[in-house]
Amino acid sequence: MTLGIILTAAVMIAVALLRPPALRAQQEESYCRPPLKFASGACVAQCPAGYEDRGRTCAFRSLSR
């Protein structure tokens, strides 16, 4: 019984660490409570310079074209 719990915990930790970054970002986006927006790992009231407002998120906008 204990071995099963340990294996389950190990698998859950491995899955959490191996998730694609986009999936982690989507989960972090839902972390910010309205009216805050998610930008580069933080909850902010307004999108910083260089970021495009996309509702609940701020996406980095490259200016080098």
C-alpha atoms as a PDB file:
ATOM      1  CA  MET A   1       0.000   0.000   0.000  1.00  0.00           C
ATOM      2  CA  THR A   2       2.755   2.449   0.947  1.00  0.00           C
ATOM      3  CA  LEU A   3       4.734   1.588  -2.188  1.00  0.00           C
ATOM      4  CA  GLY A   4       1.683   2.434  -4.315  1.00  0.00           C
ATOM      5  CA  ILE A   5       1.359   5.844  -2.672  1.00  0.00           C
ATOM      6  CA  ILE A   6       5.054   6.573  -3.181  1.00  0.00           C
ATOM      7  CA  LEU A   7       4.908   5.543  -6.847  1.00  0.00           C
ATOM      8  CA  THR A   8       1.787   7.635  -7.417  1.00  0.00           C
ATOM      9  CA  ALA A   9       3.459  10.670  -5.843  1.00  0.00           C
ATOM     10  CA  ALA A  10       6.608  10.149  -7.927  1.00  0.00           C
ATOM     11  CA  VAL A  11       4.585   9.939 -11.145  1.00  0.00           C
ATOM     12  CA  MET A  12       2.608  13.084 -10.269  1.00  0.00           C
ATOM     13  CA  ILE A  13       5.820  15.022  -9.583  1.00  0.00           C
ATOM     14  CA  ALA A  14       7.386  13.808 -12.850  1.00  0.00           C
ATOM     15  CA  VAL A  15       4.292  14.831 -14.827  1.00  0.00           C
ATOM     16  CA  ALA A  16       4.261  18.274 -13.190  1.00  0.00           C
ATOM     17  CA  LEU A  17       7.920  18.853 -14.053  1.00  0.00           C
ATOM     18  CA  LEU A  18       7.646  17.565 -17.617  1.00  0.00           C
ATOM     19  CA  ARG A  19       4.547  19.524 -18.631  1.00  0.00           C
ATOM     20  CA  PRO A  20       5.031  21.718 -21.689  1.00  0.00           C
ATOM     21  CA  PRO A  21       5.722  25.373 -20.788  1.00  0.00           C
ATOM     22  CA  ALA A  22       2.597  26.529 -22.647  1.00  0.00           C
ATOM     23  CA  LEU A  23       0.452  24.349 -20.401  1.00  0.00           C
ATOM     24  CA  ARG A  24       2.087  25.783 -17.295  1.00  0.00           C
ATOM     25  CA  ALA A  25       1.506  29.307 -18.585  1.00  0.00           C
ATOM     26  CA  GLN A  26      -2.181  28.626 -19.170  1.00  0.00           C
ATOM     27  CA  GLN A  27      -2.554  27.451 -15.604  1.00  0.00           C
ATOM     28  CA  GLU A  28      -0.697  30.502 -14.299  1.00  0.00           C
ATOM     29  CA  GLU A  29      -2.969  32.796 -16.346  1.00  0.00           C
ATOM     30  CA  SER A  30      -5.958  31.589 -14.369  1.00  0.00           C
ATOM     31  CA  TYR A  31      -4.063  32.405 -11.167  1.00  0.00           C
ATOM     32  CA  CYS A  32      -4.523  36.170 -11.625  1.00  0.00           C
ATOM     33  CA  ARG A  33      -7.828  37.380 -10.288  1.00  0.00           C
ATOM     34  CA  PRO A  34      -9.733  39.941 -12.341  1.00  0.00           C
ATOM     35  CA  PRO A  35      -9.041  42.758 -13.108  1.00  0.00           C
ATOM     36  CA  LEU A  36      -5.365  41.714 -13.064  1.00  0.00           C
ATOM     37  CA  LYS A  37      -3.687  40.328 -16.170  1.00  0.00           C
ATOM     38  CA  PHE A  38      -0.923  37.748 -16.528  1.00  0.00           C
ATOM     39  CA  ALA A  39       2.312  39.128 -18.033  1.00  0.00           C
ATOM     40  CA  SER A  40       5.665  37.383 -18.042  1.00  0.00           C
ATOM     41  CA  GLY A  41       5.125  35.424 -14.845  1.00  0.00           C
ATOM     42  CA  ALA A  42       3.375  38.117 -12.837  1.00  0.00           C
ATOM     43  CA  CYS A  43      -0.082  39.546 -12.255  1.00  0.00           C
ATOM     44  CA  VAL A  44      -0.246  43.173 -13.366  1.00  0.00           C
ATOM     45  CA  ALA A  45      -2.948  45.836 -13.580  1.00  0.00           C
ATOM     46  CA  GLN A  46      -1.866  47.045 -17.047  1.00  0.00           C
ATOM     47  CA  CYS A  47       0.292  45.490 -19.724  1.00  0.00           C
ATOM     48  CA  PRO A  48       3.867  46.824 -19.597  1.00  0.00           C
ATOM     49  CA  ALA A  49       5.484  48.570 -22.559  1.00  0.00           C
ATOM     50  CA  GLY A  50       6.254  46.103 -25.324  1.00  0.00           C
ATOM     51  CA  TYR A  51       3.343  43.821 -24.433  1.00  0.00           C
ATOM     52  CA  GLU A  52       0.048  43.499 -26.288  1.00  0.00           C
ATOM     53  CA  ASP A  53      -3.172  43.422 -24.263  1.00  0.00           C
ATOM     54  CA  ARG A  54      -5.084  40.207 -24.994  1.00  0.00           C
ATOM     55  CA  GLY A  55      -7.760  40.375 -22.335  1.00  0.00           C
ATOM     56  CA  ARG A  56      -6.630  38.369 -19.302  1.00  0.00           C
ATOM     57  CA  THR A  57      -3.067  38.065 -20.639  1.00  0.00           C
ATOM     58  CA  CYS A  58      -0.343  40.317 -22.002  1.00  0.00           C
ATOM     59  CA  ALA A  59       1.659  38.882 -24.900  1.00  0.00           C
ATOM     60  CA  PHE A  60       5.186  40.053 -25.662  1.00  0.00           C
ATOM     61  CA  ARG A  61       5.267  41.967 -28.935  1.00  0.00           C
ATOM     62  CA  SER A  62       8.610  41.960 -30.698  1.00  0.00           C
ATOM     63  CA  LEU A  63       9.435  45.329 -32.215  1.00  0.00           C
ATOM     64  CA  SER A  64      12.381  44.092 -34.272  1.00  0.00           C
ATOM     65  CA  ARG A  65      11.006  43.435 -37.758  1.00  0.00           C
END
